[in-house]
Protein backbone atom coordinates (compact mmCIF):
# COMPACT_ATOMS: atom_id res chain seq x y z
CA MET A 1 -0.39 43.80 -73.78
CA LYS A 2 -0.02 43.68 -77.56
CA LYS A 3 -2.93 42.50 -79.64
CA LEU A 4 -2.75 39.00 -81.13
CA LEU A 5 -5.54 38.28 -83.58
CA LEU A 6 -4.59 34.84 -84.86
CA THR A 7 -3.58 31.80 -82.86
CA THR A 8 -1.65 28.70 -83.83
CA LEU A 9 -4.93 26.89 -84.48
CA LEU A 10 -6.22 29.26 -87.14
CA VAL A 11 -4.90 28.91 -90.67
CA VAL A 12 -5.92 31.48 -93.28
CA THR A 13 -5.83 30.50 -96.96
CA PHE A 14 -5.77 33.14 -99.67
CA PHE A 15 -4.85 33.65 -103.30
CA ALA A 16 -1.52 35.32 -104.00
CA LEU A 17 0.11 36.15 -107.30
CA THR A 18 3.39 34.26 -107.47
CA ALA A 19 4.67 35.42 -110.84
CA VAL A 20 4.58 38.96 -112.14
CA SER A 21 5.78 40.60 -115.31
CA ALA A 22 9.42 41.64 -115.22
CA SER A 23 10.89 44.91 -116.43
CA ALA A 24 7.56 46.72 -116.04
CA VAL A 25 6.81 48.66 -112.88
CA VAL A 26 3.11 48.34 -111.99
CA ASN A 27 1.19 51.28 -110.50
CA GLY A 28 4.43 53.01 -109.59
CA THR A 29 5.48 50.04 -107.46
CA VAL A 30 8.70 48.07 -107.87
CA LYS A 31 9.38 44.50 -106.75
CA VAL A 32 13.05 44.09 -105.82
CA GLY A 33 14.54 40.64 -105.28
CA LEU A 34 16.65 40.80 -102.11
CA ARG A 35 17.13 37.08 -101.54
CA TYR A 36 16.45 34.45 -104.19
CA GLY A 37 18.02 31.43 -105.85
CA SER A 38 21.03 30.27 -103.86
CA SER A 39 20.63 33.16 -101.38
CA VAL A 40 17.16 32.20 -100.04
CA LEU A 41 16.79 32.27 -96.26
CA SER A 42 15.69 29.51 -93.91
CA SER A 43 13.82 32.25 -92.05
CA ALA A 44 13.57 36.01 -92.42
CA ASN A 45 13.31 38.62 -89.68
CA LEU A 46 11.75 42.09 -89.82
CA GLU A 47 11.83 44.87 -87.26
CA ASN A 48 9.50 47.85 -87.54
CA ALA A 49 11.12 50.14 -85.00
CA VAL A 50 9.43 53.27 -86.37
CA GLY A 51 5.90 52.07 -87.02
CA GLU A 52 3.29 50.16 -85.07
CA GLY A 53 3.50 46.55 -86.17
CA TYR A 54 2.53 44.72 -89.36
CA GLU A 55 -0.36 43.71 -91.57
CA PHE A 56 -0.47 40.26 -93.17
CA GLY A 57 -2.04 39.55 -96.54
CA TYR A 58 -1.02 39.69 -100.19
CA PHE A 59 -0.23 42.03 -103.06
CA ASP A 60 -2.80 41.75 -105.85
CA GLU A 61 -2.03 41.95 -109.58
CA ASP A 62 -2.06 45.75 -109.37
CA ARG A 63 0.40 45.53 -106.46
CA CYS A 64 -2.15 46.91 -104.04
CA PHE A 65 -1.90 45.32 -100.62
CA GLU A 66 -4.90 43.33 -99.42
CA ALA A 67 -4.78 42.96 -95.64
CA LEU A 68 -6.14 39.88 -93.90
CA ASP A 69 -4.95 40.56 -90.39
CA TRP A 70 -2.45 42.49 -88.33
CA THR A 71 -0.37 42.56 -85.18
CA GLU A 72 1.21 45.22 -83.00
CA GLU A 73 4.36 43.15 -82.64
CA THR A 74 7.28 45.03 -84.16
CA ALA A 75 9.84 42.19 -84.40
CA ILE A 76 8.60 39.22 -86.45
CA THR A 77 10.03 36.17 -88.20
CA MET A 78 8.73 34.47 -91.34
CA SER A 79 9.51 30.76 -91.86
CA PRO A 80 8.39 27.92 -94.14
CA ARG A 81 5.54 26.09 -92.44
CA GLU A 82 5.78 22.35 -91.97
CA GLY A 83 3.50 20.72 -94.50
CA GLY A 84 3.43 23.79 -96.74
CA GLY A 85 2.74 27.48 -96.50
CA ILE A 86 4.37 30.14 -94.34
CA GLN A 87 4.08 31.09 -90.69
CA VAL A 88 4.90 34.27 -88.78
CA THR A 89 6.21 34.19 -85.23
CA VAL A 90 7.39 36.74 -82.69
CA THR A 91 11.14 36.93 -83.25
CA GLY A 92 13.06 34.77 -80.80
CA THR A 93 9.98 32.81 -79.70
CA ASP A 94 7.65 30.04 -80.89
CA GLU A 95 4.60 32.32 -80.58
CA VAL A 96 2.76 32.13 -83.87
CA LEU A 97 1.13 35.34 -85.07
CA PHE A 98 -0.11 34.24 -88.47
CA GLU A 99 -0.18 31.18 -90.73
CA THR A 100 -1.14 30.53 -94.31
CA GLU A 101 -1.20 27.43 -96.49
CA GLU A 102 -0.26 29.55 -99.51
CA ASP A 103 3.37 29.65 -100.62
CA THR A 104 3.44 33.45 -100.85
CA LEU A 105 2.83 35.91 -98.03
CA GLY A 106 2.72 39.70 -98.12
CA VAL A 107 3.75 41.71 -95.07
CA LEU A 108 3.22 45.46 -94.79
CA PRO A 109 4.53 47.56 -91.90
CA GLN A 110 1.97 49.89 -90.34
CA ASP A 111 2.26 53.67 -90.01
CA ARG A 112 2.31 56.42 -92.61
CA SER A 113 5.90 56.01 -93.78
CA PRO A 114 7.41 53.12 -91.84
CA ILE A 115 11.02 52.07 -92.11
CA THR A 116 11.66 48.36 -91.60
CA TRP A 117 14.98 46.71 -90.77
CA PHE A 118 15.97 43.63 -92.76
CA LYS A 119 19.46 42.10 -92.62
CA GLY A 120 21.06 45.30 -91.37
CA TYR A 121 19.44 47.59 -93.94
CA LYS A 122 16.41 49.86 -93.65
CA TYR A 123 13.70 49.61 -96.29
CA CYS A 124 10.57 51.48 -97.25
CA GLY A 125 7.47 49.62 -98.44
CA GLY A 126 6.38 46.07 -97.78
CA PHE A 127 7.75 42.58 -98.28
CA GLU A 128 6.69 39.48 -100.14
CA TYR A 129 7.89 36.03 -99.08
CA THR A 130 7.71 33.02 -101.35
CA ARG A 131 8.68 29.45 -100.52
CA SER A 132 11.65 28.32 -102.59
CA GLY A 133 12.95 24.85 -101.89
CA SER A 134 13.39 24.62 -98.12
CA GLY A 135 13.77 28.39 -97.73
CA LEU A 136 12.12 31.73 -98.41
CA GLN A 137 12.64 34.16 -101.24
CA VAL A 138 12.47 37.77 -100.03
CA VAL A 139 11.16 40.62 -102.20
CA ASN A 140 10.85 44.29 -101.24
CA VAL A 141 7.67 45.86 -102.67
CA VAL A 142 8.38 49.58 -102.78
CA ASP A 143 7.30 52.85 -104.39
CA LEU A 144 9.33 53.71 -107.50
CA GLU A 145 10.72 56.97 -106.13
CA ASP A 146 11.65 55.35 -102.82
CA TYR A 147 13.40 52.63 -104.82
CA VAL A 148 15.47 55.21 -106.71
CA LYS A 149 16.40 56.84 -103.39
CA GLY A 150 17.69 53.43 -102.30
CA VAL A 151 19.82 53.08 -105.44
CA LEU A 152 21.37 56.52 -105.79
CA PRO A 153 23.76 56.60 -102.78
CA TYR A 154 25.10 53.13 -103.64
CA GLU A 155 25.66 53.73 -107.34
CA MET A 156 27.20 57.19 -107.01
CA GLY A 157 29.06 59.08 -104.31
CA PRO A 158 26.52 60.88 -102.08
CA GLY A 159 28.82 63.90 -101.92
CA TRP A 160 29.07 64.30 -105.69
CA PRO A 161 27.66 67.38 -107.46
CA SER A 162 23.88 67.57 -107.73
CA ALA A 163 23.84 67.46 -111.54
CA ALA A 164 25.70 64.12 -111.54
CA LEU A 165 23.35 62.70 -108.90
CA GLU A 166 20.32 63.90 -110.87
CA ALA A 167 21.65 62.23 -114.04
CA GLN A 168 22.16 59.00 -112.11
CA ALA A 169 18.64 59.20 -110.67
CA VAL A 170 17.16 59.46 -114.17
CA CYS A 171 19.24 56.48 -115.31
CA ALA A 172 18.22 54.37 -112.31
CA ARG A 173 14.54 55.23 -112.76
CA THR A 174 14.70 54.41 -116.46
CA TYR A 175 16.61 51.17 -116.00
CA VAL A 176 14.23 49.63 -113.49
CA GLN A 177 11.28 50.24 -115.80
CA GLY A 178 12.94 48.93 -118.93
CA HIS A 179 15.66 46.30 -118.90
CA SER A 180 16.34 42.90 -120.47
CA LYS A 181 17.14 40.91 -117.33
CA HIS A 182 15.08 37.72 -117.36
CA LEU A 183 13.52 37.83 -113.89
CA LYS A 184 9.85 37.15 -114.66
CA ASP A 185 9.96 33.59 -113.39
CA CYS A 186 11.49 34.82 -110.13
CA GLY A 187 8.46 37.02 -109.43
CA PHE A 188 10.14 40.42 -109.25
CA ASP A 189 11.26 43.27 -111.51
CA VAL A 190 14.87 43.81 -110.61
CA CYS A 191 17.55 42.38 -108.35
CA ALA A 192 19.46 44.41 -105.77
CA ALA A 193 23.03 43.63 -106.86
CA THR A 194 25.53 45.03 -109.36
CA CYS A 195 24.22 42.74 -112.11
CA CYS A 196 21.12 44.99 -112.10
CA GLN A 197 21.83 48.10 -110.05
CA VAL A 198 22.79 48.25 -106.38
CA TYR A 199 19.86 48.82 -104.01
CA ASN A 200 20.25 48.77 -100.23
CA GLY A 201 17.24 50.69 -98.97
CA THR A 202 17.52 53.96 -97.09
CA ASN A 203 20.73 53.47 -95.06
CA GLY A 204 22.99 55.49 -97.33
CA ALA A 205 20.44 58.13 -98.36
CA THR A 206 21.20 61.74 -97.53
CA ALA A 207 19.29 64.98 -97.97
CA VAL A 208 21.41 65.66 -101.06
CA THR A 209 20.71 62.30 -102.73
CA ASP A 210 17.01 62.45 -101.85
CA ASP A 211 16.84 65.98 -103.27
CA ALA A 212 18.36 64.74 -106.54
CA VAL A 213 15.62 62.12 -106.83
CA ASP A 214 12.89 64.62 -105.98
CA ALA A 215 14.29 67.17 -108.46
CA THR A 216 13.92 64.65 -111.30
CA ALA A 217 10.78 62.91 -110.02
CA GLY A 218 9.22 60.72 -112.70
CA GLU A 219 11.76 61.65 -115.37
CA CYS A 220 13.14 58.95 -117.66
CA LEU A 221 15.11 58.58 -120.88
CA TYR A 222 13.23 58.13 -124.16
CA TYR A 223 14.36 57.39 -127.70
CA ASP A 224 12.05 57.94 -130.66
CA GLY A 225 9.14 58.32 -128.23
CA GLU A 226 9.75 55.01 -126.46
CA LEU A 227 11.21 54.37 -123.02
CA VAL A 228 14.89 53.51 -123.30
CA MET A 229 15.61 49.86 -122.65
CA ASN A 230 18.77 49.17 -120.69
CA ALA A 231 19.88 52.65 -119.66
CA VAL A 232 23.24 51.17 -118.71
CA TYR A 233 26.14 53.00 -117.10
CA HIS A 234 29.58 52.21 -115.77
CA SER A 235 32.18 53.65 -113.42
CA SER A 236 34.63 55.14 -115.94
CA ASP A 237 35.39 54.62 -119.61
CA GLY A 238 39.13 55.31 -119.62
CA GLY A 239 38.86 57.86 -122.41
CA ALA A 240 36.04 56.69 -124.67
CA THR A 241 32.68 54.99 -124.35
CA GLU A 242 31.72 52.21 -126.76
CA ASP A 243 28.93 51.08 -129.08
CA ALA A 244 26.73 48.44 -127.47
CA VAL A 245 27.09 46.27 -130.57
CA ASN A 246 30.85 46.04 -130.04
CA VAL A 247 30.43 44.91 -126.44
CA TRP A 248 27.25 42.83 -126.39
CA GLY A 249 26.61 42.15 -130.08
CA THR A 250 23.37 44.11 -130.41
CA GLU A 251 23.02 47.42 -132.19
CA VAL A 252 21.35 50.02 -129.95
CA PRO A 253 20.89 53.47 -131.52
CA TYR A 254 21.18 55.41 -128.26
CA LEU A 255 24.18 53.45 -126.93
CA LYS A 256 26.90 54.77 -129.21
CA GLY A 257 30.54 55.17 -128.29
CA LYS A 258 32.38 58.47 -128.37
CA GLU A 259 35.59 60.05 -127.15
CA ASP A 260 35.19 61.28 -123.58
CA PRO A 261 37.21 64.43 -122.82
CA PHE A 262 35.71 64.92 -119.37
CA GLU A 263 37.08 62.08 -117.23
CA ALA A 264 40.61 63.48 -117.46
CA GLU A 265 39.38 66.63 -115.68
CA THR A 266 38.48 64.95 -112.38
CA ASN A 267 40.18 62.73 -109.84
CA ILE A 268 39.32 59.06 -110.38
CA PRO A 269 40.76 56.55 -107.88
CA ASN A 270 42.67 53.67 -109.53
CA TYR A 271 41.90 55.12 -112.97
CA SER A 272 45.03 53.52 -114.43
CA TRP A 273 45.63 49.91 -113.54
CA THR A 274 47.93 46.98 -114.24
CA VAL A 275 47.38 43.25 -113.86
CA THR A 276 49.87 40.46 -114.59
CA TYR A 277 49.16 36.87 -115.60
CA THR A 278 51.46 33.92 -116.16
CA ALA A 279 50.78 31.52 -119.01
CA GLU A 280 49.83 28.90 -116.42
CA GLU A 281 47.32 31.25 -114.79
CA LEU A 282 45.68 32.11 -118.11
CA THR A 283 45.46 28.43 -119.00
CA TRP A 284 43.71 27.67 -115.72
CA VAL A 285 41.37 30.67 -115.96
CA LEU A 286 40.29 29.93 -119.54
CA GLN A 287 39.86 26.21 -119.08
CA ASN A 288 37.88 26.65 -115.87
CA SER A 289 35.65 29.16 -117.67
CA GLY A 290 34.79 26.51 -120.26
CA TYR A 291 37.02 27.65 -123.10
CA ASN A 292 38.45 24.91 -125.34
CA ILE A 293 42.16 25.63 -125.35
CA GLY A 294 45.35 23.87 -124.33
CA THR A 295 48.31 25.34 -122.51
CA VAL A 296 48.45 29.05 -123.31
CA GLN A 297 51.72 30.37 -124.72
CA ASP A 298 50.62 33.67 -126.23
CA VAL A 299 47.90 36.32 -125.96
CA TYR A 300 47.49 39.50 -127.98
CA ILE A 301 44.94 42.13 -128.99
CA SER A 302 43.60 41.21 -132.43
CA GLY A 303 41.01 43.93 -132.92
CA ARG A 304 40.04 47.43 -131.83
CA THR A 305 36.97 49.56 -132.36
CA ASP A 306 36.82 53.00 -133.93
CA GLN A 307 37.08 54.44 -130.41
CA GLY A 308 40.30 52.57 -129.66
CA ASN A 309 38.71 50.10 -127.24
CA VAL A 310 39.55 46.41 -127.50
CA SER A 311 37.14 44.37 -129.62
CA ARG A 312 39.04 41.07 -129.99
CA VAL A 313 41.67 39.21 -127.99
CA THR A 314 43.39 36.08 -129.28
CA PHE A 315 44.94 33.34 -127.13
CA VAL A 316 47.31 30.77 -128.67
CA ASP A 317 48.18 27.43 -127.07
CA THR A 318 51.37 25.38 -127.42
CA ALA A 319 49.81 23.37 -130.24
CA GLY A 320 49.25 26.56 -132.22
CA LYS A 321 45.49 26.51 -131.73
CA GLU A 322 43.96 29.98 -131.56
CA LEU A 323 41.05 31.10 -129.42
CA THR A 324 39.63 34.53 -130.23
CA VAL A 325 37.12 36.18 -127.89
CA ARG A 326 35.05 39.21 -128.82
CA GLY A 327 33.06 41.98 -127.19
CA GLU A 328 32.82 41.99 -123.41
CA ALA A 329 34.56 38.61 -123.30
CA CYS A 330 37.74 40.56 -124.12
CA ARG A 331 37.84 41.58 -120.47
CA MET A 332 35.64 38.96 -118.79
CA ALA A 333 37.74 36.05 -120.14
CA PHE A 334 40.50 37.22 -117.78
CA TYR A 335 38.29 37.29 -114.69
CA SER A 336 39.28 34.97 -111.85
CA SER A 337 37.97 35.09 -108.31
CA THR A 338 40.52 32.39 -107.41
CA TYR A 339 43.49 34.55 -108.39
CA GLY A 340 41.72 37.79 -107.53
CA LYS A 341 42.51 39.19 -110.95
CA ASN A 342 40.50 40.85 -113.70
CA VAL A 343 40.75 43.22 -116.64
CA ARG A 344 38.75 46.23 -115.50
CA SER A 345 37.61 47.84 -118.74
CA MET A 346 37.54 47.52 -122.53
CA ARG A 347 40.44 49.95 -122.85
CA PHE A 348 43.81 48.26 -122.38
CA GLU A 349 47.13 47.08 -123.83
CA ILE A 350 48.88 43.71 -123.50
CA THR A 351 52.65 43.32 -123.31
CA GLY A 352 54.66 40.13 -123.00
CA GLY A 353 52.84 38.48 -125.87
CA SER A 354 53.77 38.47 -129.55
CA GLY A 355 52.31 41.95 -129.98
CA GLU A 356 49.11 43.61 -131.11
CA GLN A 357 47.88 42.30 -134.44
CA THR A 358 45.02 44.19 -136.07
CA SER A 359 43.55 44.06 -139.55
CA ALA A 360 44.46 46.49 -142.30
CA GLY A 361 42.16 49.31 -143.27
CA GLY A 362 41.39 50.22 -139.66
CA ALA A 363 42.49 53.10 -137.51
CA TYR A 364 45.90 53.94 -136.10
CA TYR A 365 46.11 55.18 -132.53
CA VAL A 366 48.77 57.54 -131.23
CA ASN A 367 49.76 59.11 -127.91
CA GLY A 368 48.06 56.33 -125.92
CA ALA A 369 44.96 58.48 -125.44
CA GLY A 370 42.68 57.27 -128.19
CA THR A 371 43.83 59.85 -130.80
CA LYS A 372 42.87 58.19 -134.07
CA LEU A 373 44.26 58.48 -137.62
CA SER A 374 42.51 56.82 -140.55
CA THR A 375 45.80 56.62 -142.50
CA LEU A 376 49.50 57.03 -141.85
CA ALA A 377 50.09 58.65 -145.25
CA GLY A 378 51.32 62.22 -144.79
CA VAL A 379 52.09 61.81 -141.10
CA SER A 380 55.38 63.35 -139.97
CA VAL A 381 57.84 61.41 -137.84
CA ILE A 382 60.98 62.55 -136.04
CA SER A 383 64.06 60.36 -136.18
CA GLY A 384 66.50 59.90 -133.33
CA GLY A 385 68.71 62.52 -134.96
CA GLY A 386 65.91 65.07 -135.08
CA THR A 387 65.13 64.76 -138.79
CA VAL A 388 61.47 65.31 -139.67
CA THR A 389 60.17 63.03 -142.42
CA THR A 390 56.72 62.82 -143.99
CA LEU A 391 55.46 59.26 -144.42
CA PRO A 392 54.46 58.28 -147.95
CA ALA A 393 51.39 56.34 -149.02
CA GLY A 394 51.66 52.57 -149.43
CA GLU A 395 53.27 49.99 -147.19
CA LEU A 396 55.05 51.26 -144.08
CA TYR A 397 57.36 49.31 -141.85
CA VAL A 398 58.82 49.26 -138.36
CA LEU A 399 61.81 47.35 -137.08
CA THR A 400 61.04 44.99 -134.22
CA SER A 401 63.10 42.42 -132.34
CA SER A 402 61.79 39.90 -134.85
CA GLY A 403 62.73 41.95 -137.91
CA LYS A 404 60.76 44.19 -140.27
CA ALA A 405 56.96 44.39 -139.83
CA VAL A 406 54.36 46.00 -142.08
CA ILE A 407 52.12 48.58 -140.33
CA GLY A 408 50.43 50.26 -143.29
CA GLY A 409 49.07 49.51 -146.73
CA LYS A 410 47.93 45.95 -147.42
CA SER A 411 48.62 44.58 -143.97
CA SER A 412 49.00 46.01 -140.50
CA LYS A 413 49.78 42.81 -138.69
CA VAL A 414 52.55 43.67 -136.26
CA THR A 415 54.54 41.10 -134.35
CA SER A 416 56.83 42.78 -131.87
CA SER A 417 58.46 39.81 -130.17
CA LYS A 418 57.97 36.26 -129.08
CA ALA A 419 55.68 35.64 -126.12
CA SER A 420 57.48 35.73 -122.79
CA GLY A 421 55.09 33.63 -120.70
CA ILE A 422 54.40 36.67 -118.48
CA PHE A 423 51.61 38.91 -119.75
CA VAL A 424 51.15 42.42 -118.39
CA ILE A 425 47.85 44.17 -119.09
CA THR A 426 47.64 47.90 -118.49
CA GLY A 427 44.54 49.99 -118.97
CA THR A 428 42.33 52.83 -117.88
CA GLY A 429 38.74 52.97 -116.69
CA SER A 430 36.44 50.48 -115.02
CA GLY A 431 33.38 48.75 -116.44
CA HIS A 432 31.87 47.79 -119.78
CA ASN A 433 32.31 51.28 -121.37
CA VAL A 434 28.68 51.46 -122.60
CA GLY A 435 26.34 54.34 -121.74
CA MET A 436 27.03 56.91 -119.05
CA SER A 437 30.40 57.13 -117.34
CA GLN A 438 29.63 57.91 -113.70
CA TYR A 439 32.96 59.65 -113.16
CA GLY A 440 32.48 61.42 -116.47
CA ALA A 441 29.14 62.68 -115.17
CA LYS A 442 30.91 63.90 -112.04
CA ALA A 443 33.51 65.72 -114.13
CA MET A 444 30.86 67.34 -116.32
CA ALA A 445 28.89 68.46 -113.25
CA GLU A 446 32.04 69.96 -111.76
CA GLN A 447 32.44 71.98 -114.95
CA GLY A 448 28.90 73.35 -114.69
CA TYR A 449 26.98 71.04 -117.01
CA THR A 450 23.38 70.23 -116.04
CA TYR A 451 22.00 66.72 -115.62
CA ASP A 452 20.21 66.82 -118.96
CA GLU A 453 23.39 67.93 -120.73
CA ILE A 454 25.25 65.04 -119.10
CA LEU A 455 22.64 62.52 -120.24
CA GLU A 456 22.48 63.96 -123.74
CA PHE A 457 26.26 63.59 -124.05
CA TYR A 458 26.42 59.94 -123.01
CA TYR A 459 23.19 58.72 -124.65
CA THR A 460 22.68 59.47 -128.33
CA ASP A 461 19.54 61.31 -129.53
CA ILE A 462 17.54 60.74 -126.33
CA THR A 463 14.91 62.97 -124.75
CA ILE A 464 14.16 63.34 -121.06
CA ARG A 465 10.62 63.58 -119.77
């Protein structure tokens, strides 16, 4: 018969820390928010199929577990206690194993390296439950290296080359210890979703991914002697990464954009993409996202960065009112879960509108691959009859369906045609284009580059230690 130390009549009261500092791992231990906010649970089950039951107590300010009692039961359920506090029962029964009047409870599986099941995923470490409204917030309290092992197979293909996996491990380890997500009031360091970095415990881990974590154990990115904040990464850049300031408005010295020659050397699923919007769809999407605009009749790219990525998009309504969005809003303004449509990266073109209109004095892009010219003076062109002509300095023109348009000199505002009401956006890549391209890392690894060479390419002037 399994040992039961506490009955329904005994209530233990103890102090528990309910708010911890965010973005700072304590004593090599990470707190990961698994369920919080709108995703809190009415009750939470655990199953310790490998170990020998659980201890009940709390995690102190150093994240050391202080045990108050224990049970040999391996399947338990935590629920809000009527009148306040939390109770633990044997799963599927009303048999109470432990109760506390405090609103936070720590639970630690017993055994040397136990693996606990929670919501279909296996996790290392312990758990912290906090009352939130009528439910429970669930936090995994886990060793830093075990956390990284739970990130790696979900952020990068487990079968990818070791150097790419090692680069991703360093990024994940750095990010969790230094990021700008505001999670302090939630009582944990990092969430488990894509808005932080994906973490699903040990289910997807393989010997290869674990080896990549072990091979880089403790290593992080540093800039000017300080831990890098926000070691961000993305799936693919489409041909060039981007300066953080052009995407999020903040200058970051180690997050600088550059042309990426590596992605083209590997196979990237859905690398090129196309999405189509009607004027009515764009009107609905923008208005339901809180933008102040009437019925959309036109949309065009109104600015690009030095790397050829989009920096401004302008929408025009039937009253002639213009709405210009900048930075990451250039792609996120198009996002709609209702229509199931989105612009996947910062690297795209728009057709069907009045045409791209960019300011003079910028760069000119040719060949559709980010090749950049600072001036058109001296460039050779071939006519339809095969005649080669060198372009002069000064104003240059093209003929469009609307007539002659200036593309050089004092103005480079180009209007190709009137808006059609159907807007087709074509692009390459996936993500915000800042930091490391994951597929770029894969391509570099396939070409024999090491993980440190990959990181030093995508992050400017960093060191790894």
